[in-house]
N, C-alpha and C. Protein backbone atom coordinates (compact mmCIF):
# COMPACT_ATOMS: atom_id res chain seq x y z
N MET A 1 -1.97 2.44 17.25
CA MET A 1 -0.88 3.25 17.78
C MET A 1 0.48 2.70 17.36
N VAL A 2 0.59 1.34 17.36
CA VAL A 2 1.87 0.74 16.97
C VAL A 2 2.19 1.05 15.52
N ILE A 3 1.17 0.95 14.66
CA ILE A 3 1.37 1.22 13.24
C ILE A 3 1.78 2.67 13.04
N ARG A 4 1.11 3.59 13.75
CA ARG A 4 1.43 5.02 13.62
C ARG A 4 2.85 5.29 14.09
N SER A 5 3.28 4.61 15.15
CA SER A 5 4.64 4.81 15.67
C SER A 5 5.68 4.34 14.66
N ILE A 6 5.42 3.20 14.00
CA ILE A 6 6.36 2.68 13.00
C ILE A 6 6.46 3.63 11.82
N LEU A 7 5.31 4.14 11.37
CA LEU A 7 5.33 5.07 10.24
C LEU A 7 6.08 6.34 10.61
N THR A 8 5.91 6.82 11.83
CA THR A 8 6.61 8.03 12.27
C THR A 8 8.11 7.83 12.31
N VAL A 9 8.54 6.68 12.80
CA VAL A 9 9.97 6.38 12.87
C VAL A 9 10.58 6.33 11.47
N LEU A 10 9.88 5.72 10.53
CA LEU A 10 10.40 5.63 9.16
C LEU A 10 10.59 7.01 8.55
N VAL A 11 9.58 7.86 8.70
CA VAL A 11 9.68 9.21 8.13
C VAL A 11 10.77 10.01 8.80
N PHE A 12 10.89 9.91 10.13
CA PHE A 12 11.90 10.66 10.86
C PHE A 12 13.30 10.24 10.47
N THR A 13 13.54 8.94 10.38
CA THR A 13 14.87 8.46 10.02
C THR A 13 15.23 8.84 8.60
N THR A 14 14.24 8.90 7.71
CA THR A 14 14.50 9.31 6.34
C THR A 14 15.00 10.74 6.29
N VAL A 15 14.34 11.65 7.02
CA VAL A 15 14.75 13.06 7.01
C VAL A 15 16.11 13.23 7.66
N VAL A 16 16.35 12.55 8.77
CA VAL A 16 17.63 12.69 9.47
C VAL A 16 18.78 12.20 8.61
N GLN A 17 18.61 11.05 7.99
CA GLN A 17 19.70 10.52 7.18
C GLN A 17 19.93 11.36 5.94
N ALA A 18 18.90 11.97 5.42
CA ALA A 18 19.08 12.86 4.28
C ALA A 18 19.90 14.08 4.69
N GLN A 19 19.69 14.55 5.90
CA GLN A 19 20.47 15.69 6.40
C GLN A 19 21.93 15.29 6.59
N LEU A 20 22.17 14.07 7.04
CA LEU A 20 23.53 13.63 7.31
C LEU A 20 24.37 13.49 6.05
N THR A 21 23.71 13.33 4.90
CA THR A 21 24.45 13.15 3.65
C THR A 21 24.63 14.45 2.89
N GLU A 22 24.29 15.59 3.51
CA GLU A 22 24.32 16.86 2.79
C GLU A 22 25.73 17.23 2.38
N TYR A 23 26.73 16.94 3.22
CA TYR A 23 28.10 17.33 2.89
C TYR A 23 28.57 16.57 1.65
N THR A 24 28.28 15.29 1.59
CA THR A 24 28.67 14.50 0.43
C THR A 24 27.97 15.00 -0.81
N ALA A 25 26.68 15.36 -0.66
CA ALA A 25 25.92 15.86 -1.80
C ALA A 25 26.52 17.18 -2.30
N ARG A 26 26.91 18.06 -1.37
CA ARG A 26 27.48 19.34 -1.77
C ARG A 26 28.78 19.15 -2.53
N LYS A 27 29.59 18.21 -2.07
CA LYS A 27 30.85 17.93 -2.74
C LYS A 27 30.60 17.33 -4.12
N THR A 28 29.53 16.56 -4.23
CA THR A 28 29.21 15.93 -5.51
C THR A 28 28.87 16.97 -6.56
N PHE A 29 28.00 17.93 -6.21
CA PHE A 29 27.55 18.89 -7.20
C PHE A 29 28.57 20.00 -7.45
N LEU A 30 29.37 20.34 -6.44
CA LEU A 30 30.41 21.33 -6.66
C LEU A 30 31.55 20.74 -7.48
N GLY A 31 31.82 19.47 -7.23
CA GLY A 31 32.83 18.79 -8.01
C GLY A 31 34.23 19.07 -7.53
N ASP A 32 35.16 18.25 -8.03
CA ASP A 32 36.56 18.39 -7.71
C ASP A 32 37.30 18.66 -9.01
N PRO A 33 37.76 19.91 -9.23
CA PRO A 33 38.41 20.24 -10.49
C PRO A 33 39.70 19.47 -10.71
N VAL A 34 40.30 18.97 -9.65
CA VAL A 34 41.56 18.25 -9.80
C VAL A 34 41.33 16.80 -10.21
N HIS A 35 40.22 16.21 -9.72
CA HIS A 35 39.92 14.82 -10.02
C HIS A 35 38.52 14.71 -10.62
N PRO A 36 38.34 15.07 -11.88
CA PRO A 36 36.99 15.02 -12.48
C PRO A 36 36.42 13.61 -12.55
N ALA A 37 37.29 12.61 -12.72
CA ALA A 37 36.78 11.23 -12.79
C ALA A 37 36.17 10.82 -11.47
N GLN A 38 36.74 11.32 -10.38
CA GLN A 38 36.20 11.02 -9.06
C GLN A 38 34.83 11.66 -8.87
N ASN A 39 34.63 12.84 -9.52
CA ASN A 39 33.31 13.48 -9.45
C ASN A 39 32.24 12.60 -10.07
N GLU A 40 32.54 12.01 -11.24
CA GLU A 40 31.58 11.16 -11.92
C GLU A 40 31.25 9.94 -11.08
N GLU A 41 32.29 9.41 -10.41
CA GLU A 41 32.05 8.25 -9.56
C GLU A 41 31.16 8.60 -8.39
N THR A 42 31.37 9.81 -7.82
CA THR A 42 30.54 10.24 -6.69
C THR A 42 29.11 10.48 -7.11
N ILE A 43 28.91 11.10 -8.29
CA ILE A 43 27.57 11.37 -8.78
C ILE A 43 26.79 10.08 -9.00
N SER A 44 27.50 9.02 -9.44
CA SER A 44 26.82 7.75 -9.70
C SER A 44 26.30 7.12 -8.42
N GLU A 45 26.80 7.56 -7.27
CA GLU A 45 26.33 7.02 -6.01
C GLU A 45 24.93 7.53 -5.66
N PHE A 46 24.46 8.54 -6.34
CA PHE A 46 23.14 9.11 -6.07
C PHE A 46 22.21 8.75 -7.23
N PRO A 47 21.42 7.70 -7.09
CA PRO A 47 20.51 7.30 -8.17
C PRO A 47 19.41 8.33 -8.36
N GLU A 48 18.82 8.31 -9.53
CA GLU A 48 17.73 9.24 -9.81
C GLU A 48 16.52 8.90 -8.94
N PRO A 49 15.90 9.91 -8.33
CA PRO A 49 14.73 9.65 -7.47
C PRO A 49 13.60 8.93 -8.20
N LYS A 50 13.40 9.27 -9.47
CA LYS A 50 12.32 8.60 -10.22
C LYS A 50 12.60 7.12 -10.39
N LYS A 51 13.87 6.78 -10.60
CA LYS A 51 14.23 5.38 -10.73
C LYS A 51 14.02 4.64 -9.42
N VAL A 52 14.38 5.31 -8.32
CA VAL A 52 14.17 4.71 -7.00
C VAL A 52 12.69 4.50 -6.73
N LEU A 53 11.88 5.49 -7.10
CA LEU A 53 10.43 5.38 -6.91
C LEU A 53 9.86 4.22 -7.71
N LEU A 54 10.29 4.07 -8.96
CA LEU A 54 9.80 2.99 -9.81
C LEU A 54 10.15 1.64 -9.23
N ARG A 55 11.35 1.52 -8.72
CA ARG A 55 11.77 0.24 -8.13
C ARG A 55 10.95 -0.08 -6.88
N SER A 56 10.60 0.95 -6.10
CA SER A 56 9.79 0.72 -4.91
C SER A 56 8.37 0.30 -5.28
N VAL A 57 7.89 0.80 -6.41
CA VAL A 57 6.57 0.40 -6.88
C VAL A 57 6.58 -1.05 -7.31
N MET A 58 7.64 -1.45 -8.00
CA MET A 58 7.73 -2.82 -8.51
C MET A 58 7.92 -3.83 -7.39
N ILE A 59 8.88 -3.59 -6.53
CA ILE A 59 9.19 -4.51 -5.43
C ILE A 59 9.41 -3.69 -4.16
N PRO A 60 8.56 -3.86 -3.15
CA PRO A 60 8.77 -3.12 -1.89
C PRO A 60 10.15 -3.39 -1.31
N GLY A 61 10.84 -2.33 -0.94
CA GLY A 61 12.17 -2.48 -0.36
C GLY A 61 13.30 -2.31 -1.36
N TRP A 62 12.99 -2.43 -2.65
CA TRP A 62 14.04 -2.29 -3.65
C TRP A 62 14.60 -0.87 -3.67
N GLY A 63 13.73 0.10 -3.48
CA GLY A 63 14.20 1.48 -3.43
C GLY A 63 15.13 1.73 -2.27
N GLN A 64 14.83 1.13 -1.11
CA GLN A 64 15.71 1.28 0.05
C GLN A 64 17.07 0.62 -0.21
N VAL A 65 17.06 -0.51 -0.91
CA VAL A 65 18.32 -1.16 -1.25
C VAL A 65 19.13 -0.27 -2.19
N THR A 66 18.46 0.37 -3.15
CA THR A 66 19.14 1.27 -4.07
C THR A 66 19.74 2.46 -3.32
N ASN A 67 19.04 2.92 -2.29
CA ASN A 67 19.54 4.04 -1.48
C ASN A 67 20.57 3.60 -0.44
N LYS A 68 20.94 2.31 -0.48
CA LYS A 68 21.89 1.75 0.48
C LYS A 68 21.37 1.86 1.91
N GLN A 69 20.08 1.59 2.05
CA GLN A 69 19.43 1.54 3.36
C GLN A 69 18.83 0.15 3.56
N ILE A 70 19.68 -0.85 3.45
CA ILE A 70 19.21 -2.23 3.53
C ILE A 70 18.55 -2.52 4.88
N TRP A 71 18.97 -1.80 5.91
CA TRP A 71 18.40 -2.05 7.23
C TRP A 71 16.91 -1.74 7.30
N LYS A 72 16.41 -0.98 6.34
CA LYS A 72 14.98 -0.67 6.33
C LYS A 72 14.13 -1.78 5.69
N VAL A 73 14.77 -2.66 4.94
CA VAL A 73 14.02 -3.71 4.23
C VAL A 73 13.26 -4.61 5.21
N PRO A 74 13.89 -5.10 6.30
CA PRO A 74 13.12 -5.91 7.26
C PRO A 74 11.93 -5.15 7.85
N ILE A 75 12.08 -3.84 8.04
CA ILE A 75 10.98 -3.05 8.58
C ILE A 75 9.83 -3.00 7.57
N VAL A 76 10.17 -2.78 6.31
CA VAL A 76 9.14 -2.72 5.27
C VAL A 76 8.37 -4.03 5.18
N TYR A 77 9.11 -5.14 5.10
CA TYR A 77 8.44 -6.43 4.96
C TYR A 77 7.81 -6.89 6.26
N GLY A 78 8.38 -6.47 7.39
CA GLY A 78 7.74 -6.80 8.66
C GLY A 78 6.39 -6.10 8.79
N LEU A 79 6.35 -4.84 8.37
CA LEU A 79 5.09 -4.08 8.43
C LEU A 79 4.06 -4.63 7.47
N LEU A 80 4.48 -4.83 6.21
CA LEU A 80 3.54 -5.36 5.22
C LEU A 80 3.12 -6.79 5.55
N GLY A 81 4.09 -7.60 5.97
CA GLY A 81 3.76 -8.99 6.30
C GLY A 81 2.86 -9.10 7.51
N GLY A 82 3.14 -8.29 8.54
CA GLY A 82 2.31 -8.33 9.73
C GLY A 82 0.88 -7.89 9.45
N LEU A 83 0.74 -6.82 8.69
CA LEU A 83 -0.61 -6.35 8.35
C LEU A 83 -1.35 -7.35 7.46
N THR A 84 -0.64 -7.97 6.54
CA THR A 84 -1.27 -8.96 5.66
C THR A 84 -1.74 -10.17 6.46
N TYR A 85 -0.90 -10.66 7.35
CA TYR A 85 -1.28 -11.81 8.19
C TYR A 85 -2.50 -11.46 9.05
N TYR A 86 -2.51 -10.26 9.60
CA TYR A 86 -3.63 -9.84 10.44
C TYR A 86 -4.91 -9.74 9.63
N SER A 87 -4.80 -9.24 8.40
CA SER A 87 -5.99 -9.12 7.55
C SER A 87 -6.55 -10.50 7.18
N ILE A 88 -5.66 -11.48 6.97
CA ILE A 88 -6.12 -12.84 6.65
C ILE A 88 -6.87 -13.43 7.84
N ASP A 89 -6.33 -13.22 9.04
CA ASP A 89 -7.00 -13.73 10.24
C ASP A 89 -8.36 -13.08 10.43
N LEU A 90 -8.44 -11.77 10.20
CA LEU A 90 -9.73 -11.07 10.32
C LEU A 90 -10.71 -11.54 9.26
N HIS A 91 -10.21 -11.79 8.07
CA HIS A 91 -11.09 -12.26 6.99
C HIS A 91 -11.68 -13.62 7.33
N LYS A 92 -10.86 -14.49 7.90
CA LYS A 92 -11.36 -15.83 8.28
C LYS A 92 -12.42 -15.72 9.37
N LYS A 93 -12.17 -14.88 10.37
CA LYS A 93 -13.15 -14.74 11.45
C LYS A 93 -14.44 -14.09 10.95
N TYR A 94 -14.30 -13.18 10.01
CA TYR A 94 -15.50 -12.57 9.45
C TYR A 94 -16.36 -13.63 8.76
N HIS A 95 -15.75 -14.51 7.99
CA HIS A 95 -16.50 -15.57 7.32
C HIS A 95 -17.11 -16.53 8.33
N ASP A 96 -16.39 -16.81 9.41
CA ASP A 96 -16.92 -17.73 10.41
C ASP A 96 -18.18 -17.15 11.07
N TYR A 97 -18.11 -15.88 11.46
CA TYR A 97 -19.27 -15.27 12.12
C TYR A 97 -20.40 -14.99 11.13
N ARG A 98 -20.06 -14.77 9.89
CA ARG A 98 -21.12 -14.62 8.89
C ARG A 98 -21.90 -15.92 8.74
N ALA A 99 -21.16 -17.03 8.70
CA ALA A 99 -21.83 -18.34 8.60
C ALA A 99 -22.63 -18.63 9.86
N ALA A 100 -22.06 -18.31 11.02
CA ALA A 100 -22.77 -18.57 12.28
C ALA A 100 -24.04 -17.74 12.37
N TYR A 101 -23.97 -16.50 11.97
CA TYR A 101 -25.15 -15.63 12.02
C TYR A 101 -26.21 -16.10 11.04
N TYR A 102 -25.78 -16.47 9.85
CA TYR A 102 -26.74 -16.95 8.83
C TYR A 102 -27.43 -18.22 9.31
N ASN A 103 -26.66 -19.12 9.88
CA ASN A 103 -27.25 -20.38 10.35
C ASN A 103 -28.15 -20.15 11.56
N SER A 104 -27.79 -19.17 12.40
CA SER A 104 -28.61 -18.90 13.57
C SER A 104 -29.95 -18.31 13.18
N VAL A 105 -29.96 -17.43 12.18
CA VAL A 105 -31.20 -16.81 11.72
C VAL A 105 -32.14 -17.82 11.08
N ASN A 106 -31.57 -18.74 10.29
CA ASN A 106 -32.39 -19.70 9.56
C ASN A 106 -32.67 -20.97 10.34
N GLY A 107 -31.97 -21.15 11.46
CA GLY A 107 -32.24 -22.30 12.32
C GLY A 107 -31.99 -23.62 11.63
N ALA A 108 -32.86 -24.59 11.92
CA ALA A 108 -32.70 -25.94 11.38
C ALA A 108 -32.89 -25.97 9.87
N GLU A 109 -33.53 -24.98 9.32
CA GLU A 109 -33.79 -24.95 7.88
C GLU A 109 -32.63 -24.31 7.10
N SER A 110 -31.55 -23.99 7.78
CA SER A 110 -30.42 -23.35 7.11
C SER A 110 -29.83 -24.25 6.03
N ASP A 111 -29.56 -23.68 4.89
CA ASP A 111 -28.97 -24.44 3.79
C ASP A 111 -27.43 -24.41 3.81
N LEU A 112 -26.89 -23.88 4.92
CA LEU A 112 -25.43 -23.79 5.09
C LEU A 112 -24.78 -23.10 3.90
N ARG A 113 -25.39 -22.03 3.49
CA ARG A 113 -24.89 -21.28 2.32
C ARG A 113 -23.45 -20.80 2.53
N PHE A 114 -23.13 -20.38 3.74
CA PHE A 114 -21.78 -19.89 4.03
C PHE A 114 -20.96 -20.89 4.82
N GLY A 115 -21.41 -22.13 4.87
CA GLY A 115 -20.70 -23.17 5.59
C GLY A 115 -21.31 -23.41 6.95
N SER A 116 -20.78 -24.39 7.64
CA SER A 116 -21.29 -24.73 8.97
C SER A 116 -20.71 -23.78 10.01
N THR A 117 -21.35 -23.72 11.16
CA THR A 117 -20.88 -22.87 12.25
C THR A 117 -19.63 -23.46 12.87
N PRO A 118 -18.54 -22.69 12.96
CA PRO A 118 -17.30 -23.21 13.55
C PRO A 118 -17.52 -23.64 15.00
N SER A 119 -16.74 -24.62 15.43
CA SER A 119 -16.93 -25.19 16.77
C SER A 119 -16.55 -24.20 17.88
N TYR A 120 -15.66 -23.25 17.59
CA TYR A 120 -15.23 -22.34 18.65
C TYR A 120 -16.27 -21.26 18.95
N ILE A 121 -17.30 -21.15 18.11
CA ILE A 121 -18.37 -20.19 18.36
C ILE A 121 -19.47 -20.89 19.13
N SER A 122 -19.86 -20.31 20.24
CA SER A 122 -20.86 -20.93 21.10
C SER A 122 -22.20 -21.06 20.38
N PRO A 123 -22.82 -22.23 20.41
CA PRO A 123 -24.15 -22.39 19.78
C PRO A 123 -25.24 -21.61 20.49
N ASN A 124 -24.95 -21.16 21.71
CA ASN A 124 -25.94 -20.41 22.48
C ASN A 124 -25.79 -18.90 22.30
N ALA A 125 -24.88 -18.49 21.43
CA ALA A 125 -24.66 -17.06 21.20
C ALA A 125 -25.90 -16.44 20.56
N SER A 126 -26.26 -15.26 20.98
CA SER A 126 -27.44 -14.59 20.44
C SER A 126 -27.18 -14.09 19.02
N GLU A 127 -28.25 -13.87 18.30
CA GLU A 127 -28.12 -13.39 16.92
C GLU A 127 -27.50 -11.99 16.88
N SER A 128 -27.82 -11.16 17.86
CA SER A 128 -27.28 -9.80 17.88
C SER A 128 -25.76 -9.81 18.09
N SER A 129 -25.28 -10.69 18.99
CA SER A 129 -23.83 -10.76 19.23
C SER A 129 -23.11 -11.32 18.02
N LEU A 130 -23.71 -12.29 17.36
CA LEU A 130 -23.10 -12.85 16.16
C LEU A 130 -23.03 -11.78 15.05
N LYS A 131 -24.11 -11.02 14.93
CA LYS A 131 -24.14 -9.97 13.92
C LYS A 131 -23.11 -8.88 14.23
N ASN A 132 -23.01 -8.51 15.50
CA ASN A 132 -22.04 -7.47 15.88
C ASN A 132 -20.61 -7.93 15.63
N ASN A 133 -20.32 -9.18 15.97
CA ASN A 133 -18.98 -9.71 15.72
C ASN A 133 -18.69 -9.80 14.23
N ARG A 134 -19.69 -10.19 13.47
CA ARG A 134 -19.50 -10.26 12.02
C ARG A 134 -19.16 -8.89 11.45
N ASP A 135 -19.92 -7.88 11.86
CA ASP A 135 -19.68 -6.52 11.36
C ASP A 135 -18.34 -5.98 11.85
N PHE A 136 -17.97 -6.31 13.09
CA PHE A 136 -16.71 -5.83 13.64
C PHE A 136 -15.52 -6.36 12.85
N PHE A 137 -15.50 -7.65 12.62
CA PHE A 137 -14.37 -8.26 11.90
C PHE A 137 -14.34 -7.81 10.43
N ARG A 138 -15.50 -7.56 9.86
CA ARG A 138 -15.52 -7.07 8.49
C ARG A 138 -14.96 -5.65 8.41
N ASN A 139 -15.40 -4.80 9.32
CA ASN A 139 -14.91 -3.41 9.32
C ASN A 139 -13.42 -3.33 9.64
N ARG A 140 -12.99 -4.13 10.62
CA ARG A 140 -11.57 -4.13 10.97
C ARG A 140 -10.73 -4.66 9.81
N ARG A 141 -11.22 -5.68 9.14
CA ARG A 141 -10.49 -6.21 7.97
C ARG A 141 -10.35 -5.15 6.89
N ASP A 142 -11.44 -4.44 6.60
CA ASP A 142 -11.38 -3.40 5.58
C ASP A 142 -10.42 -2.29 5.97
N PHE A 143 -10.38 -1.95 7.26
CA PHE A 143 -9.46 -0.92 7.74
C PHE A 143 -8.00 -1.36 7.55
N ILE A 144 -7.72 -2.61 7.85
CA ILE A 144 -6.37 -3.13 7.68
C ILE A 144 -5.98 -3.16 6.20
N TYR A 145 -6.95 -3.41 5.32
CA TYR A 145 -6.66 -3.33 3.89
C TYR A 145 -6.15 -1.94 3.52
N VAL A 146 -6.80 -0.92 4.11
CA VAL A 146 -6.39 0.46 3.84
C VAL A 146 -4.98 0.71 4.37
N THR A 147 -4.69 0.22 5.58
CA THR A 147 -3.35 0.43 6.15
C THR A 147 -2.28 -0.29 5.34
N ILE A 148 -2.62 -1.43 4.76
CA ILE A 148 -1.65 -2.13 3.89
C ILE A 148 -1.31 -1.25 2.69
N GLY A 149 -2.34 -0.63 2.11
CA GLY A 149 -2.10 0.28 0.99
C GLY A 149 -1.27 1.47 1.40
N LEU A 150 -1.54 2.02 2.60
CA LEU A 150 -0.75 3.16 3.09
C LEU A 150 0.69 2.76 3.36
N ALA A 151 0.89 1.56 3.90
CA ALA A 151 2.25 1.09 4.17
C ALA A 151 3.01 0.91 2.86
N TYR A 152 2.33 0.44 1.84
CA TYR A 152 2.97 0.27 0.54
C TYR A 152 3.36 1.63 -0.05
N ILE A 153 2.46 2.60 0.09
CA ILE A 153 2.76 3.95 -0.39
C ILE A 153 3.89 4.57 0.41
N LEU A 154 3.90 4.32 1.72
CA LEU A 154 4.97 4.85 2.56
C LEU A 154 6.32 4.30 2.14
N ASN A 155 6.35 3.03 1.76
CA ASN A 155 7.58 2.44 1.25
C ASN A 155 8.09 3.20 0.04
N MET A 156 7.19 3.60 -0.84
CA MET A 156 7.56 4.36 -2.03
C MET A 156 8.01 5.77 -1.67
N VAL A 157 7.24 6.43 -0.79
CA VAL A 157 7.56 7.81 -0.41
C VAL A 157 8.89 7.87 0.33
N ASP A 158 9.12 6.92 1.22
CA ASP A 158 10.36 6.90 1.99
C ASP A 158 11.57 6.81 1.07
N ALA A 159 11.52 5.90 0.11
CA ALA A 159 12.65 5.74 -0.81
C ALA A 159 12.83 6.97 -1.69
N TYR A 160 11.72 7.53 -2.17
CA TYR A 160 11.80 8.68 -3.07
C TYR A 160 12.31 9.92 -2.35
N VAL A 161 11.79 10.18 -1.16
CA VAL A 161 12.19 11.38 -0.41
C VAL A 161 13.67 11.32 -0.05
N TYR A 162 14.13 10.16 0.39
CA TYR A 162 15.53 10.04 0.76
C TYR A 162 16.43 10.24 -0.46
N ALA A 163 16.06 9.62 -1.59
CA ALA A 163 16.86 9.77 -2.81
C ALA A 163 16.85 11.20 -3.30
N HIS A 164 15.75 11.91 -3.09
CA HIS A 164 15.64 13.29 -3.56
C HIS A 164 16.38 14.26 -2.64
N MET A 165 16.23 14.11 -1.34
CA MET A 165 16.79 15.07 -0.40
C MET A 165 18.30 14.92 -0.24
N ARG A 166 18.81 13.72 -0.41
CA ARG A 166 20.23 13.51 -0.17
C ARG A 166 21.11 14.20 -1.21
N SER A 167 20.53 14.60 -2.34
CA SER A 167 21.31 15.23 -3.40
C SER A 167 21.26 16.75 -3.35
N PHE A 168 20.70 17.31 -2.28
CA PHE A 168 20.62 18.75 -2.14
C PHE A 168 21.21 19.19 -0.82
N ASP A 169 21.79 20.39 -0.85
CA ASP A 169 22.32 20.99 0.37
C ASP A 169 21.21 21.77 1.04
N VAL A 170 20.67 21.23 2.10
CA VAL A 170 19.55 21.87 2.78
C VAL A 170 19.97 22.42 4.14
N SER A 171 21.27 22.54 4.36
CA SER A 171 21.74 22.99 5.66
C SER A 171 21.86 24.51 5.70
N ASP A 172 21.85 25.07 6.92
CA ASP A 172 22.14 26.48 7.16
C ASP A 172 23.53 26.56 7.78
N ASP A 173 24.53 26.66 6.92
CA ASP A 173 25.90 26.66 7.39
C ASP A 173 26.25 28.05 7.91
N LEU A 174 26.31 28.18 9.21
CA LEU A 174 26.60 29.46 9.84
C LEU A 174 27.98 29.45 10.49
N THR A 175 28.93 28.78 9.84
CA THR A 175 30.28 28.68 10.38
C THR A 175 30.93 30.06 10.44
N MET A 176 31.54 30.37 11.57
CA MET A 176 32.23 31.64 11.71
C MET A 176 33.72 31.39 11.89
N ARG A 177 34.50 32.09 11.12
CA ARG A 177 35.95 32.00 11.22
C ARG A 177 36.51 33.35 11.65
N THR A 178 37.37 33.31 12.64
CA THR A 178 37.98 34.54 13.15
C THR A 178 39.49 34.50 12.92
N GLY A 179 40.07 35.68 12.82
CA GLY A 179 41.51 35.75 12.64
C GLY A 179 42.07 37.06 13.17
N ILE A 180 43.28 36.98 13.67
CA ILE A 180 43.96 38.17 14.19
C ILE A 180 45.36 38.22 13.57
N LYS A 181 45.72 39.36 13.04
CA LYS A 181 47.07 39.49 12.48
C LYS A 181 47.58 40.92 12.73
N SER A 182 48.89 41.00 12.79
CA SER A 182 49.50 42.31 13.01
C SER A 182 49.46 43.13 11.73
N ASP A 183 49.41 44.43 11.89
CA ASP A 183 49.32 45.31 10.75
C ASP A 183 50.06 46.61 11.08
N MET A 184 50.45 47.32 10.05
CA MET A 184 51.13 48.60 10.22
C MET A 184 50.28 49.69 9.59
N GLY A 185 49.98 50.70 10.40
CA GLY A 185 49.24 51.84 9.89
C GLY A 185 50.17 53.03 9.67
N VAL A 186 49.66 54.03 9.01
CA VAL A 186 50.45 55.24 8.72
C VAL A 186 49.67 56.45 9.21
N LEU A 187 50.36 57.25 10.03
CA LEU A 187 49.73 58.47 10.51
C LEU A 187 49.74 59.53 9.42
N ALA A 188 49.00 60.60 9.70
CA ALA A 188 48.93 61.69 8.72
C ALA A 188 50.29 62.33 8.51
N SER A 189 51.13 62.20 9.54
CA SER A 189 52.47 62.78 9.42
C SER A 189 53.42 61.90 8.63
N GLY A 190 52.94 60.72 8.29
CA GLY A 190 53.78 59.81 7.53
C GLY A 190 54.52 58.81 8.36
N HIS A 191 54.38 58.86 9.68
CA HIS A 191 55.07 57.91 10.54
C HIS A 191 54.25 56.62 10.68
N PRO A 192 54.92 55.48 10.57
CA PRO A 192 54.20 54.20 10.72
C PRO A 192 53.81 53.97 12.17
N ILE A 193 52.72 53.23 12.36
CA ILE A 193 52.25 52.89 13.70
C ILE A 193 51.79 51.44 13.70
N PRO A 194 52.24 50.64 14.65
CA PRO A 194 51.82 49.23 14.69
C PRO A 194 50.35 49.11 15.12
N GLY A 195 49.72 48.01 14.67
CA GLY A 195 48.32 47.77 15.02
C GLY A 195 47.93 46.33 14.81
N LEU A 196 46.72 46.01 15.12
CA LEU A 196 46.17 44.67 14.96
C LEU A 196 44.89 44.75 14.13
N SER A 197 44.68 43.73 13.31
CA SER A 197 43.44 43.68 12.53
C SER A 197 42.68 42.40 12.88
N PHE A 198 41.39 42.52 13.04
CA PHE A 198 40.54 41.39 13.37
C PHE A 198 39.62 41.10 12.16
N THR A 199 39.50 39.83 11.83
CA THR A 199 38.65 39.43 10.70
C THR A 199 37.61 38.42 11.18
N PHE A 200 36.40 38.58 10.68
CA PHE A 200 35.30 37.67 10.98
C PHE A 200 34.67 37.27 9.64
N ASN A 201 34.66 35.97 9.38
CA ASN A 201 34.06 35.47 8.14
C ASN A 201 32.88 34.58 8.51
N LEU A 202 31.72 34.94 8.02
CA LEU A 202 30.52 34.14 8.22
C LEU A 202 30.17 33.46 6.91
N LYS A 203 30.02 32.13 6.98
CA LYS A 203 29.68 31.38 5.77
C LYS A 203 28.26 30.86 5.87
């Protein structure tokens, strides 16, 4: 659940921040006819999504740095580092219970093929419990390996999506502008008549 919550937060913040940069992106692509050099400088602030993706593949977090989202780097490495540390601990316990189960099955004639039984494992533990623990730690380790791969892919997707979405105007601008001004009308007889005109502009 914790891992799922972290992944959800990363995706949500990526979409929200991409929306927040829409005005800058619109100004970038529309350009400023008075200051063309400033347009080029603004465009350079938006790196190519493919370049960002490649950097994320090479070094986790590099894409976020390119997108000027340095605050996400600790999250990326915290997630990857935490999962890696957990997988190492599970791998060690799997080997310990594998050795304990092997030695328990072979008894005194065990050749200690997988090493001696660790001291923290009770010598009175049944073979079935040792086998169940061995299988549990192996399956959990393999599952964490998969989540490490997903976290690595998420790092790439997060950087690519943000770099891609920030350069497009995805808003529904429904701004309404109203105006009132005086006006003069003309009757059929040719006499002028004062009046008011109302204007509504929807963008």
